[in-house]
Amino acid sequence: MSDKMYDLNDVVEMKKPHPCGENKWKIIRMGMDIRIKCVGCGHSVMIPRKEFSKKMKRVIERASEENI
């Protein structure tokens, strides 16, 4: 498993930007697959967890800090 930790509603940066030009994605569903939503245009994509771990660069905003 990857050492990068992420959770539901975190905003993450991916290695490749979305065609709209934005590189920030919000995690909106987690399970076997992870659904991420582009912060720029709102398009959502579902990708396998293993593939997501490879393509994710870093966590920009953590949702857990807001939900106290």
N, C-alpha and C. Protein backbone atom coordinates (compact mmCIF):
# COMPACT_ATOMS: atom_id res chain seq x y z
N MET A 1 0.85 -1.20 0.00
CA MET A 1 0.00 0.00 0.00
C MET A 1 0.88 1.24 0.00
N SER A 2 0.38 2.30 -0.55
CA SER A 2 1.11 3.56 -0.65
C SER A 2 1.24 4.23 0.72
N ASP A 3 2.30 5.01 0.90
CA ASP A 3 2.49 5.73 2.14
C ASP A 3 1.71 7.05 2.17
N LYS A 4 1.11 7.40 1.03
CA LYS A 4 0.31 8.62 0.94
C LYS A 4 -1.07 8.34 1.53
N MET A 5 -1.45 9.11 2.53
CA MET A 5 -2.75 8.89 3.15
C MET A 5 -3.75 9.91 2.64
N TYR A 6 -4.95 9.45 2.33
CA TYR A 6 -6.03 10.30 1.84
C TYR A 6 -7.33 9.77 2.40
N ASP A 7 -8.34 10.64 2.42
CA ASP A 7 -9.63 10.27 2.98
C ASP A 7 -10.75 10.91 2.18
N LEU A 8 -11.97 10.56 2.49
CA LEU A 8 -13.14 11.11 1.81
C LEU A 8 -13.19 12.63 1.96
N ASN A 9 -13.54 13.32 0.90
CA ASN A 9 -13.64 14.79 0.83
C ASN A 9 -12.31 15.53 0.87
N ASP A 10 -11.19 14.83 0.82
CA ASP A 10 -9.89 15.50 0.70
C ASP A 10 -9.74 16.03 -0.72
N VAL A 11 -9.02 17.12 -0.89
CA VAL A 11 -8.70 17.65 -2.21
C VAL A 11 -7.27 17.23 -2.51
N VAL A 12 -7.08 16.52 -3.63
CA VAL A 12 -5.76 15.99 -3.98
C VAL A 12 -5.28 16.54 -5.32
N GLU A 13 -3.97 16.49 -5.52
CA GLU A 13 -3.36 16.89 -6.78
C GLU A 13 -2.94 15.61 -7.48
N MET A 14 -3.30 15.51 -8.76
CA MET A 14 -2.92 14.34 -9.55
C MET A 14 -1.69 14.67 -10.39
N LYS A 15 -1.02 13.64 -10.89
CA LYS A 15 0.19 13.85 -11.70
C LYS A 15 -0.12 14.55 -13.01
N LYS A 16 -1.24 14.17 -13.64
CA LYS A 16 -1.63 14.79 -14.91
C LYS A 16 -2.85 15.67 -14.70
N PRO A 17 -2.86 16.90 -15.26
CA PRO A 17 -4.04 17.75 -15.10
C PRO A 17 -5.21 17.27 -15.95
N HIS A 18 -6.41 17.69 -15.58
CA HIS A 18 -7.63 17.39 -16.32
C HIS A 18 -7.61 18.23 -17.61
N PRO A 19 -8.24 17.79 -18.69
CA PRO A 19 -8.26 18.58 -19.92
C PRO A 19 -8.77 20.02 -19.75
N CYS A 20 -9.56 20.29 -18.70
CA CYS A 20 -10.05 21.65 -18.47
C CYS A 20 -8.94 22.56 -17.93
N GLY A 21 -7.80 21.95 -17.55
CA GLY A 21 -6.66 22.72 -17.06
C GLY A 21 -6.45 22.66 -15.55
N GLU A 22 -7.45 22.17 -14.82
CA GLU A 22 -7.36 22.11 -13.36
C GLU A 22 -6.63 20.84 -12.93
N ASN A 23 -5.89 20.91 -11.84
CA ASN A 23 -5.15 19.76 -11.34
C ASN A 23 -5.61 19.36 -9.93
N LYS A 24 -6.69 19.96 -9.44
CA LYS A 24 -7.22 19.64 -8.11
C LYS A 24 -8.46 18.78 -8.26
N TRP A 25 -8.50 17.72 -7.47
CA TRP A 25 -9.63 16.78 -7.49
C TRP A 25 -10.11 16.54 -6.07
N LYS A 26 -11.43 16.45 -5.88
CA LYS A 26 -12.01 16.15 -4.57
C LYS A 26 -12.45 14.70 -4.56
N ILE A 27 -12.08 13.97 -3.51
CA ILE A 27 -12.48 12.56 -3.38
C ILE A 27 -13.93 12.55 -2.88
N ILE A 28 -14.84 12.02 -3.71
CA ILE A 28 -16.25 12.03 -3.34
C ILE A 28 -16.80 10.64 -3.01
N ARG A 29 -16.04 9.58 -3.28
CA ARG A 29 -16.48 8.22 -2.93
C ARG A 29 -15.26 7.34 -2.78
N MET A 30 -15.26 6.52 -1.73
CA MET A 30 -14.16 5.58 -1.53
C MET A 30 -14.70 4.19 -1.29
N GLY A 31 -14.04 3.23 -1.89
CA GLY A 31 -14.39 1.82 -1.75
C GLY A 31 -13.32 1.04 -2.48
N MET A 32 -13.70 0.01 -3.21
CA MET A 32 -12.73 -0.69 -4.06
C MET A 32 -12.22 0.26 -5.14
N ASP A 33 -13.14 1.12 -5.61
CA ASP A 33 -12.80 2.16 -6.57
C ASP A 33 -12.93 3.50 -5.86
N ILE A 34 -12.26 4.50 -6.40
CA ILE A 34 -12.34 5.84 -5.82
C ILE A 34 -12.90 6.77 -6.89
N ARG A 35 -13.93 7.54 -6.52
CA ARG A 35 -14.51 8.52 -7.44
C ARG A 35 -13.98 9.90 -7.05
N ILE A 36 -13.40 10.57 -8.04
CA ILE A 36 -12.87 11.92 -7.82
C ILE A 36 -13.58 12.90 -8.73
N LYS A 37 -13.75 14.12 -8.24
CA LYS A 37 -14.47 15.15 -8.98
C LYS A 37 -13.54 16.32 -9.23
N CYS A 38 -13.46 16.78 -10.47
CA CYS A 38 -12.61 17.91 -10.84
C CYS A 38 -13.14 19.17 -10.17
N VAL A 39 -12.26 19.89 -9.47
CA VAL A 39 -12.65 21.12 -8.79
C VAL A 39 -12.98 22.21 -9.82
N GLY A 40 -12.32 22.17 -10.98
CA GLY A 40 -12.52 23.19 -12.02
C GLY A 40 -13.86 23.09 -12.73
N CYS A 41 -14.14 21.94 -13.35
CA CYS A 41 -15.35 21.82 -14.19
C CYS A 41 -16.43 20.93 -13.58
N GLY A 42 -16.13 20.18 -12.53
CA GLY A 42 -17.14 19.35 -11.88
C GLY A 42 -17.28 17.95 -12.46
N HIS A 43 -16.46 17.59 -13.47
CA HIS A 43 -16.52 16.26 -14.07
C HIS A 43 -16.00 15.24 -13.05
N SER A 44 -16.67 14.09 -12.94
CA SER A 44 -16.20 13.07 -12.00
C SER A 44 -15.75 11.81 -12.74
N VAL A 45 -14.76 11.16 -12.16
CA VAL A 45 -14.15 9.97 -12.75
C VAL A 45 -14.02 8.92 -11.65
N MET A 46 -14.28 7.66 -12.00
CA MET A 46 -14.09 6.57 -11.05
C MET A 46 -12.90 5.74 -11.51
N ILE A 47 -11.93 5.56 -10.61
CA ILE A 47 -10.75 4.76 -10.95
C ILE A 47 -10.45 3.77 -9.83
N PRO A 48 -9.84 2.64 -10.16
CA PRO A 48 -9.48 1.66 -9.12
C PRO A 48 -8.53 2.28 -8.10
N ARG A 49 -8.64 1.84 -6.85
CA ARG A 49 -7.83 2.38 -5.76
C ARG A 49 -6.32 2.28 -6.03
N LYS A 50 -5.89 1.16 -6.58
CA LYS A 50 -4.46 0.94 -6.87
C LYS A 50 -3.95 1.96 -7.90
N GLU A 51 -4.75 2.18 -8.94
CA GLU A 51 -4.40 3.13 -9.99
C GLU A 51 -4.39 4.56 -9.42
N PHE A 52 -5.37 4.87 -8.56
CA PHE A 52 -5.44 6.19 -7.93
C PHE A 52 -4.19 6.47 -7.10
N SER A 53 -3.74 5.47 -6.33
CA SER A 53 -2.54 5.63 -5.50
C SER A 53 -1.31 5.94 -6.34
N LYS A 54 -1.24 5.34 -7.53
CA LYS A 54 -0.10 5.59 -8.43
C LYS A 54 -0.16 6.99 -9.04
N LYS A 55 -1.37 7.44 -9.39
CA LYS A 55 -1.54 8.71 -10.11
C LYS A 55 -1.63 9.94 -9.21
N MET A 56 -1.85 9.73 -7.91
CA MET A 56 -1.96 10.86 -6.99
C MET A 56 -0.58 11.40 -6.63
N LYS A 57 -0.46 12.73 -6.62
CA LYS A 57 0.80 13.38 -6.27
C LYS A 57 0.85 13.70 -4.77
N ARG A 58 -0.16 14.47 -4.30
CA ARG A 58 -0.19 14.86 -2.89
C ARG A 58 -1.58 15.32 -2.48
N VAL A 59 -1.80 15.40 -1.17
CA VAL A 59 -3.06 15.91 -0.62
C VAL A 59 -2.89 17.42 -0.44
N ILE A 60 -3.79 18.20 -1.02
CA ILE A 60 -3.73 19.66 -0.90
C ILE A 60 -4.50 20.13 0.32
N GLU A 61 -5.75 19.65 0.47
CA GLU A 61 -6.57 20.02 1.62
C GLU A 61 -7.13 18.76 2.27
N ARG A 62 -7.07 18.71 3.57
CA ARG A 62 -7.62 17.57 4.30
C ARG A 62 -9.01 17.93 4.81
N ALA A 63 -9.97 17.04 4.59
CA ALA A 63 -11.35 17.26 5.02
C ALA A 63 -11.49 17.03 6.52
N SER A 64 -10.66 16.16 7.09
CA SER A 64 -10.77 15.79 8.51
C SER A 64 -10.53 16.97 9.43
N GLU A 65 -9.80 18.00 8.98
CA GLU A 65 -9.56 19.19 9.80
C GLU A 65 -10.84 20.01 9.95
N GLU A 66 -11.71 19.96 8.93
CA GLU A 66 -12.96 20.71 8.96
C GLU A 66 -14.03 20.00 9.79
N ASN A 67 -14.07 18.67 9.72
CA ASN A 67 -15.11 17.88 10.40
C ASN A 67 -14.69 17.52 11.81
N ILE A 68 -14.91 18.41 12.74
CA ILE A 68 -14.50 18.15 14.13
C ILE A 68 -15.69 17.70 14.96
